[in-house]
Amino acid sequence: MADEARGRVRAMVPARVARITDKVQNTYGAFVNHSVKCEDCKEVGWRCETAEELWQEYKAAQREARE
């Protein structure tokens, strides 16, 4: 592999990691922000439908980050 191609590969890896990390953080943030503002979610042991969807998006982002 030429030095130029190696440099491009090295540059792509950190960018992908940063994108995935941002996605995990953003999806978790969306879940938390919703949960603290939603009257239904303030009930102990309860998640509304929207919160459950946001949680599933967060879990999917975590799985993607592990791949």
PDB file of N, CA and C in Angstrom:
ATOM      1  N   MET A   1       0.858  -1.174   0.000  1.00  0.00           N
ATOM      2  CA  MET A   1       0.000   0.000   0.000  1.00  0.00           C
ATOM      3  C   MET A   1       0.902   1.235   0.000  1.00  0.00           C
ATOM      4  N   ALA A   2       0.607   2.157  -0.844  1.00  0.00           N
ATOM      5  CA  ALA A   2       1.405   3.376  -0.944  1.00  0.00           C
ATOM      6  C   ALA A   2       1.209   4.227   0.304  1.00  0.00           C
ATOM      7  N   ASP A   3       2.217   5.046   0.602  1.00  0.00           N
ATOM      8  CA  ASP A   3       2.137   5.910   1.784  1.00  0.00           C
ATOM      9  C   ASP A   3       0.919   6.824   1.750  1.00  0.00           C
ATOM     10  N   GLU A   4       0.594   7.341   0.575  1.00  0.00           N
ATOM     11  CA  GLU A   4      -0.561   8.235   0.440  1.00  0.00           C
ATOM     12  C   GLU A   4      -1.856   7.500   0.803  1.00  0.00           C
ATOM     13  N   ALA A   5      -2.009   6.279   0.340  1.00  0.00           N
ATOM     14  CA  ALA A   5      -3.203   5.487   0.638  1.00  0.00           C
ATOM     15  C   ALA A   5      -3.268   5.159   2.126  1.00  0.00           C
ATOM     16  N   ARG A   6      -2.140   4.833   2.743  1.00  0.00           N
ATOM     17  CA  ARG A   6      -2.122   4.566   4.183  1.00  0.00           C
ATOM     18  C   ARG A   6      -2.571   5.788   4.967  1.00  0.00           C
ATOM     19  N   GLY A   7      -2.134   6.953   4.535  1.00  0.00           N
ATOM     20  CA  GLY A   7      -2.524   8.195   5.199  1.00  0.00           C
ATOM     21  C   GLY A   7      -4.021   8.426   5.140  1.00  0.00           C
ATOM     22  N   ARG A   8      -4.623   8.128   3.993  1.00  0.00           N
ATOM     23  CA  ARG A   8      -6.076   8.284   3.848  1.00  0.00           C
ATOM     24  C   ARG A   8      -6.814   7.318   4.764  1.00  0.00           C
ATOM     25  N   VAL A   9      -6.327   6.075   4.847  1.00  0.00           N
ATOM     26  CA  VAL A   9      -6.976   5.082   5.710  1.00  0.00           C
ATOM     27  C   VAL A   9      -6.880   5.533   7.164  1.00  0.00           C
ATOM     28  N   ARG A  10      -5.725   5.979   7.589  1.00  0.00           N
ATOM     29  CA  ARG A  10      -5.565   6.456   8.967  1.00  0.00           C
ATOM     30  C   ARG A  10      -6.479   7.636   9.253  1.00  0.00           C
ATOM     31  N   ALA A  11      -6.654   8.515   8.301  1.00  0.00           N
ATOM     32  CA  ALA A  11      -7.510   9.682   8.489  1.00  0.00           C
ATOM     33  C   ALA A  11      -8.980   9.273   8.577  1.00  0.00           C
ATOM     34  N   MET A  12      -9.374   8.225   7.859  1.00  0.00           N
ATOM     35  CA  MET A  12     -10.763   7.797   7.848  1.00  0.00           C
ATOM     36  C   MET A  12     -11.161   7.122   9.161  1.00  0.00           C
ATOM     37  N   VAL A  13     -10.259   6.367   9.762  1.00  0.00           N
ATOM     38  CA  VAL A  13     -10.605   5.646  10.991  1.00  0.00           C
ATOM     39  C   VAL A  13     -11.014   6.606  12.100  1.00  0.00           C
ATOM     40  N   PRO A  14     -10.204   7.628  12.432  1.00  0.00           N
ATOM     41  CA  PRO A  14     -10.631   8.545  13.494  1.00  0.00           C
ATOM     42  C   PRO A  14     -11.930   9.273  13.156  1.00  0.00           C
ATOM     43  N   ALA A  15     -12.153   9.612  11.896  1.00  0.00           N
ATOM     44  CA  ALA A  15     -13.382  10.288  11.508  1.00  0.00           C
ATOM     45  C   ALA A  15     -14.581   9.378  11.757  1.00  0.00           C
ATOM     46  N   ARG A  16     -14.469   8.097  11.443  1.00  0.00           N
ATOM     47  CA  ARG A  16     -15.564   7.144  11.675  1.00  0.00           C
ATOM     48  C   ARG A  16     -15.821   6.995  13.165  1.00  0.00           C
ATOM     49  N   VAL A  17     -14.754   6.875  13.939  1.00  0.00           N
ATOM     50  CA  VAL A  17     -14.902   6.746  15.388  1.00  0.00           C
ATOM     51  C   VAL A  17     -15.582   7.984  15.954  1.00  0.00           C
ATOM     52  N   ALA A  18     -15.175   9.154  15.504  1.00  0.00           N
ATOM     53  CA  ALA A  18     -15.783  10.397  15.985  1.00  0.00           C
ATOM     54  C   ALA A  18     -17.263  10.444  15.633  1.00  0.00           C
ATOM     55  N   ARG A  19     -17.621  10.046  14.408  1.00  0.00           N
ATOM     56  CA  ARG A  19     -19.031  10.038  13.982  1.00  0.00           C
ATOM     57  C   ARG A  19     -19.854   9.099  14.848  1.00  0.00           C
ATOM     58  N   ILE A  20     -19.327   7.915  15.095  1.00  0.00           N
ATOM     59  CA  ILE A  20     -20.059   6.927  15.895  1.00  0.00           C
ATOM     60  C   ILE A  20     -20.181   7.409  17.333  1.00  0.00           C
ATOM     61  N   THR A  21     -19.096   7.951  17.877  1.00  0.00           N
ATOM     62  CA  THR A  21     -19.135   8.475  19.244  1.00  0.00           C
ATOM     63  C   THR A  21     -20.166   9.583  19.348  1.00  0.00           C
ATOM     64  N   ASP A  22     -20.177  10.489  18.379  1.00  0.00           N
ATOM     65  CA  ASP A  22     -21.178  11.559  18.365  1.00  0.00           C
ATOM     66  C   ASP A  22     -22.585  10.989  18.301  1.00  0.00           C
ATOM     67  N   LYS A  23     -22.774   9.961  17.492  1.00  0.00           N
ATOM     68  CA  LYS A  23     -24.103   9.362  17.350  1.00  0.00           C
ATOM     69  C   LYS A  23     -24.563   8.759  18.677  1.00  0.00           C
ATOM     70  N   VAL A  24     -23.672   8.055  19.362  1.00  0.00           N
ATOM     71  CA  VAL A  24     -24.024   7.459  20.653  1.00  0.00           C
ATOM     72  C   VAL A  24     -24.380   8.567  21.648  1.00  0.00           C
ATOM     73  N   GLN A  25     -23.543   9.580  21.721  1.00  0.00           N
ATOM     74  CA  GLN A  25     -23.796  10.678  22.656  1.00  0.00           C
ATOM     75  C   GLN A  25     -25.079  11.432  22.310  1.00  0.00           C
ATOM     76  N   ASN A  26     -25.298  11.680  21.040  1.00  0.00           N
ATOM     77  CA  ASN A  26     -26.498  12.416  20.629  1.00  0.00           C
ATOM     78  C   ASN A  26     -27.779  11.635  20.887  1.00  0.00           C
ATOM     79  N   THR A  27     -27.754  10.336  20.631  1.00  0.00           N
ATOM     80  CA  THR A  27     -28.970   9.548  20.858  1.00  0.00           C
ATOM     81  C   THR A  27     -29.257   9.423  22.350  1.00  0.00           C
ATOM     82  N   TYR A  28     -28.204   9.281  23.160  1.00  0.00           N
ATOM     83  CA  TYR A  28     -28.413   9.218  24.611  1.00  0.00           C
ATOM     84  C   TYR A  28     -28.926  10.569  25.123  1.00  0.00           C
ATOM     85  N   GLY A  29     -28.344  11.652  24.614  1.00  0.00           N
ATOM     86  CA  GLY A  29     -28.785  12.984  25.001  1.00  0.00           C
ATOM     87  C   GLY A  29     -30.247  13.224  24.660  1.00  0.00           C
ATOM     88  N   ALA A  30     -30.656  12.766  23.496  1.00  0.00           N
ATOM     89  CA  ALA A  30     -32.057  12.923  23.091  1.00  0.00           C
ATOM     90  C   ALA A  30     -32.974  12.170  24.052  1.00  0.00           C
ATOM     91  N   PHE A  31     -32.568  10.965  24.445  1.00  0.00           N
ATOM     92  CA  PHE A  31     -33.355  10.177  25.390  1.00  0.00           C
ATOM     93  C   PHE A  31     -33.460  10.894  26.737  1.00  0.00           C
ATOM     94  N   VAL A  32     -32.338  11.351  27.262  1.00  0.00           N
ATOM     95  CA  VAL A  32     -32.329  12.013  28.574  1.00  0.00           C
ATOM     96  C   VAL A  32     -33.128  13.311  28.523  1.00  0.00           C
ATOM     97  N   ASN A  33     -32.890  14.113  27.495  1.00  0.00           N
ATOM     98  CA  ASN A  33     -33.623  15.381  27.382  1.00  0.00           C
ATOM     99  C   ASN A  33     -35.129  15.162  27.341  1.00  0.00           C
ATOM    100  N   HIS A  34     -35.537  14.165  26.584  1.00  0.00           N
ATOM    101  CA  HIS A  34     -36.964  13.869  26.520  1.00  0.00           C
ATOM    102  C   HIS A  34     -37.471  13.412  27.884  1.00  0.00           C
ATOM    103  N   SER A  35     -36.741  12.509  28.503  1.00  0.00           N
ATOM    104  CA  SER A  35     -37.192  11.896  29.753  1.00  0.00           C
ATOM    105  C   SER A  35     -37.371  12.896  30.891  1.00  0.00           C
ATOM    106  N   VAL A  36     -36.502  13.896  30.956  1.00  0.00           N
ATOM    107  CA  VAL A  36     -36.621  14.860  32.056  1.00  0.00           C
ATOM    108  C   VAL A  36     -37.724  15.892  31.807  1.00  0.00           C
ATOM    109  N   LYS A  37     -38.155  16.030  30.564  1.00  0.00           N
ATOM    110  CA  LYS A  37     -39.196  17.008  30.243  1.00  0.00           C
ATOM    111  C   LYS A  37     -40.586  16.395  30.129  1.00  0.00           C
ATOM    112  N   CYS A  38     -40.633  15.114  29.870  1.00  0.00           N
ATOM    113  CA  CYS A  38     -41.909  14.430  29.634  1.00  0.00           C
ATOM    114  C   CYS A  38     -42.597  14.096  30.962  1.00  0.00           C
ATOM    115  N   GLU A  39     -43.828  14.524  31.099  1.00  0.00           N
ATOM    116  CA  GLU A  39     -44.583  14.260  32.332  1.00  0.00           C
ATOM    117  C   GLU A  39     -44.769  12.761  32.560  1.00  0.00           C
ATOM    118  N   ASP A  40     -45.021  12.014  31.499  1.00  0.00           N
ATOM    119  CA  ASP A  40     -45.205  10.564  31.644  1.00  0.00           C
ATOM    120  C   ASP A  40     -43.915   9.888  32.099  1.00  0.00           C
ATOM    121  N   CYS A  41     -42.788  10.346  31.573  1.00  0.00           N
ATOM    122  CA  CYS A  41     -41.505   9.721  31.897  1.00  0.00           C
ATOM    123  C   CYS A  41     -41.026  10.057  33.310  1.00  0.00           C
ATOM    124  N   LYS A  42     -41.576  11.099  33.886  1.00  0.00           N
ATOM    125  CA  LYS A  42     -41.180  11.474  35.249  1.00  0.00           C
ATOM    126  C   LYS A  42     -41.695  10.482  36.284  1.00  0.00           C
ATOM    127  N   GLU A  43     -42.681   9.689  35.902  1.00  0.00           N
ATOM    128  CA  GLU A  43     -43.187   8.653  36.794  1.00  0.00           C
ATOM    129  C   GLU A  43     -42.116   7.572  36.946  1.00  0.00           C
ATOM    130  N   VAL A  44     -41.903   7.135  38.147  1.00  0.00           N
ATOM    131  CA  VAL A  44     -40.871   6.125  38.411  1.00  0.00           C
ATOM    132  C   VAL A  44     -41.221   4.820  37.700  1.00  0.00           C
ATOM    133  N   GLY A  45     -40.232   4.279  37.000  1.00  0.00           N
ATOM    134  CA  GLY A  45     -40.421   2.992  36.338  1.00  0.00           C
ATOM    135  C   GLY A  45     -41.255   3.055  35.068  1.00  0.00           C
ATOM    136  N   TRP A  46     -41.381   4.227  34.484  1.00  0.00           N
ATOM    137  CA  TRP A  46     -42.223   4.359  33.302  1.00  0.00           C
ATOM    138  C   TRP A  46     -41.461   5.048  32.186  1.00  0.00           C
ATOM    139  N   ARG A  47     -41.630   4.582  30.974  1.00  0.00           N
ATOM    140  CA  ARG A  47     -41.137   5.252  29.765  1.00  0.00           C
ATOM    141  C   ARG A  47     -42.286   5.333  28.789  1.00  0.00           C
ATOM    142  N   CYS A  48     -42.499   6.520  28.260  1.00  0.00           N
ATOM    143  CA  CYS A  48     -43.538   6.656  27.246  1.00  0.00           C
ATOM    144  C   CYS A  48     -43.036   6.043  25.930  1.00  0.00           C
ATOM    145  N   GLU A  49     -43.895   5.983  24.960  1.00  0.00           N
ATOM    146  CA  GLU A  49     -43.555   5.375  23.673  1.00  0.00           C
ATOM    147  C   GLU A  49     -42.378   6.095  23.004  1.00  0.00           C
ATOM    148  N   THR A  50     -42.390   7.421  23.063  1.00  0.00           N
ATOM    149  CA  THR A  50     -41.293   8.197  22.469  1.00  0.00           C
ATOM    150  C   THR A  50     -39.977   7.890  23.158  1.00  0.00           C
ATOM    151  N   ALA A  51     -39.993   7.827  24.484  1.00  0.00           N
ATOM    152  CA  ALA A  51     -38.772   7.522  25.234  1.00  0.00           C
ATOM    153  C   ALA A  51     -38.262   6.127  24.880  1.00  0.00           C
ATOM    154  N   GLU A  52     -39.157   5.189  24.731  1.00  0.00           N
ATOM    155  CA  GLU A  52     -38.744   3.832  24.374  1.00  0.00           C
ATOM    156  C   GLU A  52     -38.093   3.807  22.996  1.00  0.00           C
ATOM    157  N   GLU A  53     -38.655   4.549  22.057  1.00  0.00           N
ATOM    158  CA  GLU A  53     -38.062   4.633  20.715  1.00  0.00           C
ATOM    159  C   GLU A  53     -36.675   5.268  20.772  1.00  0.00           C
ATOM    160  N   LEU A  54     -36.539   6.345  21.548  1.00  0.00           N
ATOM    161  CA  LEU A  54     -35.237   7.005  21.698  1.00  0.00           C
ATOM    162  C   LEU A  54     -34.222   6.068  22.354  1.00  0.00           C
ATOM    163  N   TRP A  55     -34.674   5.294  23.338  1.00  0.00           N
ATOM    164  CA  TRP A  55     -33.785   4.341  24.009  1.00  0.00           C
ATOM    165  C   TRP A  55     -33.309   3.270  23.018  1.00  0.00           C
ATOM    166  N   GLN A  56     -34.201   2.792  22.183  1.00  0.00           N
ATOM    167  CA  GLN A  56     -33.834   1.780  21.196  1.00  0.00           C
ATOM    168  C   GLN A  56     -32.842   2.344  20.175  1.00  0.00           C
ATOM    169  N   GLU A  57     -32.999   3.614  19.805  1.00  0.00           N
ATOM    170  CA  GLU A  57     -32.036   4.257  18.903  1.00  0.00           C
ATOM    171  C   GLU A  57     -30.661   4.337  19.562  1.00  0.00           C
ATOM    172  N   TYR A  58     -30.642   4.668  20.840  1.00  0.00           N
ATOM    173  CA  TYR A  58     -29.389   4.727  21.593  1.00  0.00           C
ATOM    174  C   TYR A  58     -28.730   3.347  21.645  1.00  0.00           C
ATOM    175  N   LYS A  59     -29.496   2.318  21.948  1.00  0.00           N
ATOM    176  CA  LYS A  59     -28.944   0.957  22.020  1.00  0.00           C
ATOM    177  C   LYS A  59     -28.411   0.526  20.652  1.00  0.00           C
ATOM    178  N   ALA A  60     -29.093   0.892  19.581  1.00  0.00           N
ATOM    179  CA  ALA A  60     -28.629   0.559  18.229  1.00  0.00           C
ATOM    180  C   ALA A  60     -27.315   1.280  17.933  1.00  0.00           C
ATOM    181  N   ALA A  61     -27.206   2.531  18.357  1.00  0.00           N
ATOM    182  CA  ALA A  61     -25.961   3.276  18.158  1.00  0.00           C
ATOM    183  C   ALA A  61     -24.817   2.647  18.933  1.00  0.00           C
ATOM    184  N   GLN A  62     -25.093   2.163  20.130  1.00  0.00           N
ATOM    185  CA  GLN A  62     -24.077   1.459  20.911  1.00  0.00           C
ATOM    186  C   GLN A  62     -23.614   0.194  20.200  1.00  0.00           C
ATOM    187  N   ARG A  63     -24.563  -0.566  19.672  1.00  0.00           N
ATOM    188  CA  ARG A  63     -24.197  -1.801  18.954  1.00  0.00           C
ATOM    189  C   ARG A  63     -23.333  -1.473  17.738  1.00  0.00           C
ATOM    190  N   GLU A  64     -23.711  -0.427  17.008  1.00  0.00           N
ATOM    191  CA  GLU A  64     -22.957  -0.006  15.845  1.00  0.00           C
ATOM    192  C   GLU A  64     -21.531   0.393  16.244  1.00  0.00           C
ATOM    193  N   ALA A  65     -21.397   1.036  17.381  1.00  0.00           N
ATOM    194  CA  ALA A  65     -20.081   1.482  17.846  1.00  0.00           C
ATOM    195  C   ALA A  65     -19.179   0.302  18.193  1.00  0.00           C
ATOM    196  N   ARG A  66     -19.776  -0.807  18.617  1.00  0.00           N
ATOM    197  CA  ARG A  66     -18.982  -1.985  18.984  1.00  0.00           C
ATOM    198  C   ARG A  66     -18.521  -2.795  17.778  1.00  0.00           C
ATOM    199  N   GLU A  67     -19.161  -2.576  16.630  1.00  0.00           N
ATOM    200  CA  GLU A  67     -18.821  -3.360  15.427  1.00  0.00           C
ATOM    201  C   GLU A  67     -17.518  -2.912  14.822  1.00  0.00           C
TER     202      GLU A  67
END
